Each structure stands twice: as structure tokens, then as C-alpha cells.
Amino acid sequence: MNILIIQRPGSTIGGDWHFASYYAAAMQQAGIEVTLAGADNIPDLMPFDLVHIMAACAPEWGIEAATEVKRAKKPLIITPLYWPRDTRLRFYGQSADLFPGYKQAITTILLLADVWACVTMSELIRCYALVPRHPAFVMGVGRPEIKIKANKTPDDYVLCAARVEQHKNQLSLARACKMMGLRLECVGPIQDKSYAYQVAALGGNVRGELSHEKTLEMMANCRVHALPSFGEIAAHANLEAAVMGVPSVMCLDAAEPEFFGSGGIYCDASNWRDIADAVWLAWHRPRGQWCTNYIPTWDEVAQRVITWIQSVS
């Protein structure tokens, strides 16, 4: 079998890039022939038996990519990585839609898929709110293959490993850390320079993008990892923190409680005081395994997809 995996254009960083890369490697390990391509460089589709689009719920490229696949009459799996933006929109006093026609565009993308391969059941339920009873299954997400562990004598700082932008909510985290007198290190590509300046004005050290190795080193040495963003499916940085044993703060209004279980430290992303309380709890939590739910390997995730393919062949 020959599968094409499509990811967002120009993707070389970010959780969705890690997701696609690890998934592709696991499928190859299982004996599946795999080609990984960006949505801006889709190859001739004729040689492929099936196409799998990752992080498809991005109207700026998702509709076009999915339409091209269906035009070629190829079976299409879509991993949406979709979560409603309602909490963020209310927080910033914006309209009920991310932009005019956003939810309709997401609905169009979801309808183009033969099946959704969602990361968690709660994500699938959010997709069902747009397109009820569509064929779907939960593929999950694999644990990162990293050998570095949390430093048993960490440095006293909070790390936020994520793109610097409104959705990741570093500004509220910076306000919380400033109130508690805690050092905040923000590592990740600066998507919004104006927002990054605001984070820095509240005392956050905005380092910008670092190598993955350096980021992992900083995570191993931090006292707490905090990513109180406005809704994640399963943030790759939180997965890395879980594998390392670094206490991690994340948003309650997300798919992550289903994924990480009662061991995660959850907060209301729209309330910086609640973020502060969660960070303080994490600050005093001992290092070690905290994820109470089982995180599968990428080989297990790939096998779930292969099982679905075999069931409809």
C-alpha cells in the first residue's frame, strides 16, 4: 500500500509537524510505503492508494487540498486537529466566529473526508457538532521518543514552549508569573511580534525559536512547564513534559483532560488568577510520572489506522 500524508504548507516546526513526522515514520516501520508532502507541493496523486491529510481544519489550505484529493477519486482520511475557538473569542471580545464563514469552511473540509481519524474522542464529538454521524475513529497520538528526563534539581523558572501568539495565551501566563514573582521563559516561533512585546513588558523572557534539542534541555531543567492556551487537542510540548516527568499546566477547556487524565494540572485559560493557582500547584509538585492515562506508542497509533484501512478494504 502506498499512502500520501499531506501536512500544512511549509511545515517544519510545531506540534502538527511532529505529529505528521512521527506518524509517517511509524507507518513506514509497519511496512507501508509513505510519502510526506506539504499542501503547497502535492505530488501527482495517481500512484497513491490513499491520502491522509493532517491538521486539515485550516481553511486557507485545507479545502483546496481535500478537494484536489477527491477530484482524483482517492480515499481520504482527515485528521482534523479541530477544537472550537469559542473560549478565545469570548476572552478577546470577538464575534462568534473566528472570521466570517470559518465554521462553514471547517464543515466543508470535514464533509470531504471519507473518514476522520481524530486524536481523542472529545475532539471527535466537537467535529460531530458540525457534521453529525460521519464515519470516524480515534487514532490517538503517540508518546514522543525522547530519552532526556526531568532534572531532579530544577532551576526556578516556568517554561512555555509554544508559538508566541494570542491563542497560546503567554500574556495571561506572564501576568500570573509576574504576580507570583516567578521567572518565565517563552520558547517558540514569534508569530505575533506585537503580542510578544506585550509578553516581554510583563517580564516574560521571549527567546523566540530554539532548536528542538535546546528546547528539550530547557524543559528538563524548568520547574514547571505551562501552556494555558485556548484549547489544544494534545499539545506536543505537554506530551514531552509528561514523558520527562515535568509538572505541566494546561487548559481545562480542551481535549487534554481526556488524554492526560487526573495527573494534569488544569486551569481556566481566560482567568490569569486561576492560571497562577495552577502554576503554584505545579511549582510544588514533585517531579516524576504524572500522566494517569496510557499514552500509546506511535507504532500502536499507526496500527489503529492500518486496522481501519483493512476493515474497509
Protein backbone atom coordinates (compact mmCIF):
# COMPACT_ATOMS: atom_id res chain seq x y z
CA MET A 1 0.00 0.00 0.00
CA ASN A 2 1.18 3.49 -0.92
CA ILE A 3 -0.08 6.39 1.22
CA LEU A 4 0.40 10.14 0.78
CA ILE A 5 0.41 12.18 4.00
CA ILE A 6 -0.28 15.89 3.49
CA GLN A 7 0.55 18.49 6.14
CA ARG A 8 0.31 22.27 6.29
CA PRO A 9 2.36 24.29 3.78
CA GLY A 10 5.97 24.99 4.73
CA SER A 11 5.66 22.87 7.89
CA THR A 12 8.99 22.30 9.66
CA ILE A 13 8.01 23.13 13.26
CA GLY A 14 5.04 22.84 15.59
CA GLY A 15 3.03 20.05 17.16
CA ASP A 16 1.24 19.15 13.93
CA TRP A 17 4.60 18.79 12.15
CA HIS A 18 5.88 16.46 14.88
CA PHE A 19 2.60 14.54 14.68
CA ALA A 20 2.86 14.00 10.92
CA SER A 21 6.56 13.14 11.04
CA TYR A 22 6.27 10.55 13.82
CA TYR A 23 3.13 9.06 12.26
CA ALA A 24 4.78 8.76 8.84
CA ALA A 25 7.82 7.02 10.36
CA ALA A 26 5.59 4.57 12.24
CA MET A 27 3.62 3.72 9.12
CA GLN A 28 6.86 3.06 7.26
CA GLN A 29 8.04 0.87 10.14
CA ALA A 30 4.82 -1.13 9.69
CA GLY A 31 5.68 -1.78 6.05
CA ILE A 32 3.50 0.90 4.45
CA GLU A 33 5.01 2.94 1.64
CA VAL A 34 4.65 6.59 2.69
CA THR A 35 5.25 9.96 1.06
CA LEU A 36 5.09 13.11 3.22
CA ALA A 37 4.31 16.39 1.43
CA GLY A 38 3.23 19.93 2.20
CA ALA A 39 -0.16 21.13 0.96
CA ASP A 40 1.66 23.63 -1.24
CA ASN A 41 3.57 20.85 -3.01
CA ILE A 42 1.14 17.97 -3.54
CA PRO A 43 2.60 15.41 -5.97
CA ASP A 44 0.73 13.51 -8.70
CA LEU A 45 -1.95 11.58 -6.83
CA MET A 46 -2.29 8.68 -9.27
CA PRO A 47 0.32 6.36 -7.64
CA PHE A 48 -1.29 6.58 -4.19
CA ASP A 49 -3.88 4.18 -2.80
CA LEU A 50 -4.98 6.56 -0.07
CA VAL A 51 -4.37 10.12 1.14
CA HIS A 52 -4.22 11.24 4.78
CA ILE A 53 -4.40 14.99 5.47
CA MET A 54 -3.06 16.13 8.86
CA ALA A 55 -4.32 19.22 10.73
CA ALA A 56 -6.81 19.69 7.93
CA CYS A 57 -9.04 22.24 9.66
CA ALA A 58 -7.23 25.24 8.20
CA PRO A 59 -9.48 26.83 5.55
CA GLU A 60 -6.58 28.69 3.94
CA TRP A 61 -5.31 25.39 2.51
CA GLY A 62 -7.48 22.52 3.80
CA ILE A 63 -10.42 22.90 1.41
CA GLU A 64 -8.19 23.13 -1.65
CA ALA A 65 -6.09 20.12 -0.65
CA ALA A 66 -9.09 17.95 0.21
CA THR A 67 -10.90 18.95 -2.98
CA GLU A 68 -7.87 18.01 -5.07
CA VAL A 69 -7.79 14.57 -3.46
CA LYS A 70 -11.50 13.95 -4.04
CA ARG A 71 -11.19 15.17 -7.63
CA ALA A 72 -8.61 12.43 -8.13
CA LYS A 73 -11.11 9.94 -6.63
CA LYS A 74 -8.72 8.84 -3.89
CA PRO A 75 -9.91 7.64 -0.48
CA LEU A 76 -9.34 10.44 2.02
CA ILE A 77 -8.61 10.23 5.74
CA ILE A 78 -8.62 13.56 7.57
CA THR A 79 -7.10 14.16 10.99
CA PRO A 80 -8.81 17.48 11.82
CA LEU A 81 -6.91 18.59 14.96
CA TYR A 82 -10.02 20.71 15.49
CA TRP A 83 -11.18 22.44 18.64
CA PRO A 84 -13.73 25.29 18.76
CA ARG A 85 -12.30 28.76 19.36
CA ASP A 86 -15.25 29.97 21.43
CA THR A 87 -13.31 30.49 24.69
CA ARG A 88 -10.65 32.58 22.99
CA LEU A 89 -13.21 34.60 21.03
CA ARG A 90 -15.12 35.45 24.22
CA PHE A 91 -11.89 36.35 26.02
CA TYR A 92 -10.89 38.83 23.32
CA GLY A 93 -14.45 40.13 22.86
CA GLN A 94 -14.58 38.97 19.26
CA SER A 95 -17.50 37.74 17.19
CA ALA A 96 -18.96 34.25 17.43
CA ASP A 97 -16.84 33.04 14.50
CA LEU A 98 -13.07 33.24 14.02
CA PHE A 99 -13.78 35.04 10.76
CA PRO A 100 -16.94 35.18 8.62
CA GLY A 101 -17.64 31.71 7.27
CA TYR A 102 -14.98 29.92 9.37
CA LYS A 103 -17.22 27.18 10.80
CA GLN A 104 -18.84 26.64 7.42
CA ALA A 105 -15.39 26.21 5.89
CA ILE A 106 -14.46 23.66 8.57
CA THR A 107 -17.74 21.84 7.90
CA THR A 108 -16.90 21.71 4.19
CA ILE A 109 -13.48 20.19 4.92
CA LEU A 110 -14.95 17.57 7.27
CA LEU A 111 -17.59 16.57 4.71
CA LEU A 112 -14.91 15.93 2.07
CA ALA A 113 -13.31 13.17 4.17
CA ASP A 114 -14.24 9.52 3.78
CA VAL A 115 -13.36 9.13 7.45
CA TRP A 116 -11.96 11.24 10.28
CA ALA A 117 -9.05 9.90 12.31
CA CYS A 118 -9.33 12.03 15.45
CA VAL A 119 -6.80 12.25 18.25
CA THR A 120 -9.32 11.98 21.11
CA MET A 121 -13.00 11.16 21.49
CA SER A 122 -13.69 14.66 22.75
CA GLU A 123 -12.26 16.09 19.51
CA LEU A 124 -14.49 13.73 17.53
CA ILE A 125 -17.53 14.96 19.49
CA ARG A 126 -16.67 18.57 18.58
CA CYS A 127 -16.49 17.54 14.92
CA TYR A 128 -19.85 15.74 15.27
CA ALA A 129 -21.33 19.07 16.38
CA LEU A 130 -20.60 20.30 12.85
CA VAL A 131 -21.22 17.08 10.89
CA PRO A 132 -23.24 14.51 12.87
CA ARG A 133 -22.73 10.75 12.40
CA HIS A 134 -19.87 10.99 9.94
CA PRO A 135 -17.60 7.90 9.72
CA ALA A 136 -14.80 8.34 12.25
CA PHE A 137 -12.44 6.59 14.64
CA VAL A 138 -9.92 7.64 17.29
CA MET A 139 -6.32 7.08 16.22
CA GLY A 140 -4.72 8.78 19.23
CA VAL A 141 -1.29 10.34 19.32
CA GLY A 142 1.96 8.63 20.25
CA ARG A 143 4.33 9.49 23.07
CA PRO A 144 7.50 11.28 21.97
CA GLU A 145 10.62 9.14 21.75
CA ILE A 146 12.91 11.22 23.95
CA LYS A 147 15.48 9.89 26.39
CA ILE A 148 16.12 13.03 28.42
CA LYS A 149 14.44 13.12 31.84
CA ALA A 150 13.49 15.93 34.18
CA ASN A 151 16.37 17.33 36.21
CA LYS A 152 15.81 16.31 39.84
CA THR A 153 17.16 19.68 40.97
CA PRO A 154 15.49 22.06 38.51
CA ASP A 155 16.14 25.74 38.01
CA ASP A 156 13.45 28.05 39.36
CA TYR A 157 11.65 29.11 36.20
CA VAL A 158 8.44 28.43 34.30
CA LEU A 159 8.81 27.38 30.67
CA CYS A 160 6.21 27.88 27.95
CA ALA A 161 7.21 26.00 24.79
CA ALA A 162 4.84 27.16 22.05
CA ARG A 163 4.39 29.61 19.21
CA VAL A 164 4.12 33.12 20.65
CA GLU A 165 0.63 34.25 19.70
CA GLN A 166 -2.73 35.06 21.26
CA HIS A 167 -4.08 31.52 21.09
CA LYS A 168 -1.21 30.16 23.20
CA ASN A 169 -2.02 32.74 25.89
CA GLN A 170 1.51 33.65 27.04
CA LEU A 171 0.32 37.11 28.08
CA SER A 172 -2.01 35.76 30.78
CA LEU A 173 0.75 33.38 31.88
CA ALA A 174 3.21 36.29 32.08
CA ARG A 175 0.75 38.26 34.22
CA ALA A 176 0.35 35.26 36.54
CA CYS A 177 4.11 34.74 36.83
CA LYS A 178 4.74 38.43 37.47
CA MET A 179 2.17 38.43 40.28
CA MET A 180 3.94 35.44 41.90
CA GLY A 181 7.45 36.74 41.26
CA LEU A 182 8.34 33.76 39.07
CA ARG A 183 10.69 33.83 36.09
CA LEU A 184 9.00 32.98 32.78
CA GLU A 185 10.87 31.71 29.72
CA CYS A 186 8.94 31.65 26.43
CA VAL A 187 10.43 29.48 23.70
CA GLY A 188 8.93 29.16 20.24
CA PRO A 189 8.49 30.95 16.92
CA ILE A 190 7.17 34.50 17.29
CA GLN A 191 4.00 34.55 15.22
CA ASP A 192 2.80 37.92 16.54
CA LYS A 193 5.53 40.48 17.27
CA SER A 194 3.17 42.96 18.93
CA TYR A 195 1.90 40.24 21.24
CA ALA A 196 5.48 39.16 22.02
CA TYR A 197 6.30 42.75 23.05
CA GLN A 198 3.36 42.72 25.47
CA VAL A 199 4.55 39.44 27.00
CA ALA A 200 8.05 40.89 27.40
CA ALA A 201 6.63 44.06 29.00
CA LEU A 202 5.16 41.86 31.74
CA GLY A 203 8.52 40.26 32.40
CA GLY A 204 8.41 37.23 30.14
CA ASN A 205 11.75 36.39 28.53
CA VAL A 206 10.70 35.82 24.89
CA ARG A 207 13.56 33.85 23.40
CA GLY A 208 11.98 33.03 20.03
CA GLU A 209 12.58 29.75 18.26
CA LEU A 210 15.33 27.48 19.56
CA SER A 211 16.46 24.07 18.34
CA HIS A 212 14.41 21.14 19.49
CA GLU A 213 17.39 19.85 21.47
CA LYS A 214 17.81 23.18 23.30
CA THR A 215 14.07 23.36 24.00
CA LEU A 216 14.11 19.86 25.49
CA GLU A 217 17.11 20.84 27.62
CA MET A 218 15.24 23.88 28.95
CA MET A 219 12.16 21.75 29.62
CA ALA A 220 14.19 19.20 31.58
CA ASN A 221 15.63 21.99 33.72
CA CYS A 222 12.47 24.06 34.31
CA ARG A 223 10.45 23.81 37.50
CA VAL A 224 7.13 23.90 35.63
CA HIS A 225 6.01 23.73 32.02
CA ALA A 226 2.88 25.83 31.41
CA LEU A 227 0.85 26.06 28.23
CA PRO A 228 -2.54 27.56 29.20
CA SER A 229 -3.63 28.01 25.60
CA PHE A 230 -7.23 28.41 24.49
CA GLY A 231 -7.86 24.78 23.58
CA GLU A 232 -5.42 22.06 22.49
CA ILE A 233 -6.02 18.54 21.26
CA ALA A 234 -2.83 17.17 22.79
CA ALA A 235 -0.01 19.73 22.70
CA HIS A 236 3.30 18.13 21.74
CA ALA A 237 5.13 20.14 24.41
CA ASN A 238 2.79 18.75 27.08
CA LEU A 239 3.43 15.25 25.76
CA GLU A 240 7.17 15.85 26.11
CA ALA A 241 6.68 17.19 29.63
CA ALA A 242 4.67 14.08 30.52
CA VAL A 243 7.37 11.73 29.19
CA MET A 244 10.08 13.67 31.04
CA GLY A 245 8.14 13.92 34.29
CA VAL A 246 7.97 17.73 34.38
CA PRO A 247 4.76 19.07 36.04
CA SER A 248 2.67 20.76 33.37
CA VAL A 249 -0.17 23.30 33.43
CA MET A 250 -2.74 23.20 30.63
CA CYS A 251 -6.23 24.41 29.75
CA LEU A 252 -9.27 22.64 31.17
CA ASP A 253 -11.38 23.59 28.12
CA ALA A 254 -9.52 21.28 25.75
CA ALA A 255 -9.14 17.63 24.78
CA GLU A 256 -6.14 17.24 27.08
CA PRO A 257 -8.01 16.21 30.27
CA GLU A 258 -9.20 13.13 28.34
CA PHE A 259 -5.65 12.46 27.21
CA PHE A 260 -3.62 13.16 30.35
CA GLY A 261 -6.19 12.25 32.97
CA SER A 262 -6.23 13.39 36.57
CA GLY A 263 -2.45 13.87 36.66
CA GLY A 264 -2.58 17.03 34.56
CA ILE A 265 -2.82 20.40 36.29
CA TYR A 266 -5.66 22.26 34.60
CA CYS A 267 -6.69 25.90 34.57
CA ASP A 268 -9.21 28.34 33.15
CA ALA A 269 -7.28 29.95 30.30
CA SER A 270 -9.47 33.06 30.46
CA ASN A 271 -8.57 33.78 34.13
CA TRP A 272 -4.96 34.70 34.88
CA ARG A 273 -5.55 34.23 38.61
CA ASP A 274 -6.64 30.65 38.02
CA ILE A 275 -3.54 30.17 35.86
CA ALA A 276 -1.47 31.48 38.79
CA ASP A 277 -3.09 28.99 41.17
CA ALA A 278 -2.37 26.12 38.77
CA VAL A 279 1.25 27.19 38.28
CA TRP A 280 1.73 27.44 42.05
CA LEU A 281 0.34 23.92 42.48
CA ALA A 282 2.68 22.63 39.76
CA TRP A 283 5.60 24.53 41.31
CA HIS A 284 5.26 22.44 44.47
CA ARG A 285 4.53 19.12 42.77
CA PRO A 286 7.35 16.53 42.83
CA ARG A 287 8.88 15.52 39.55
CA GLY A 288 8.07 12.13 38.08
CA GLN A 289 5.37 10.32 36.14
CA TRP A 290 2.16 12.34 36.42
CA CYS A 291 0.09 11.32 33.39
CA THR A 292 -2.53 8.88 34.70
CA ASN A 293 -3.77 7.73 31.28
CA TYR A 294 -1.90 5.41 28.94
CA ILE A 295 -0.05 7.16 26.10
CA PRO A 296 0.36 4.73 23.18
CA THR A 297 3.47 4.35 21.09
CA TRP A 298 3.47 5.70 17.56
CA ASP A 299 3.60 2.11 16.31
CA GLU A 300 0.31 1.47 18.13
CA VAL A 301 -1.21 4.61 16.64
CA ALA A 302 -0.17 3.54 13.14
CA GLN A 303 -1.66 0.08 13.71
CA ARG A 304 -5.03 1.63 14.59
CA VAL A 305 -5.08 3.36 11.21
CA ILE A 306 -3.94 0.22 9.41
CA THR A 307 -6.70 -1.76 11.15
CA TRP A 308 -9.29 0.72 9.88
CA ILE A 309 -7.87 0.54 6.33
CA GLN A 310 -8.02 -3.26 6.41
CA SER A 311 -11.59 -3.20 7.72
CA VAL A 312 -12.84 -1.32 4.65
CA SER A 313 -10.60 -2.92 2.02
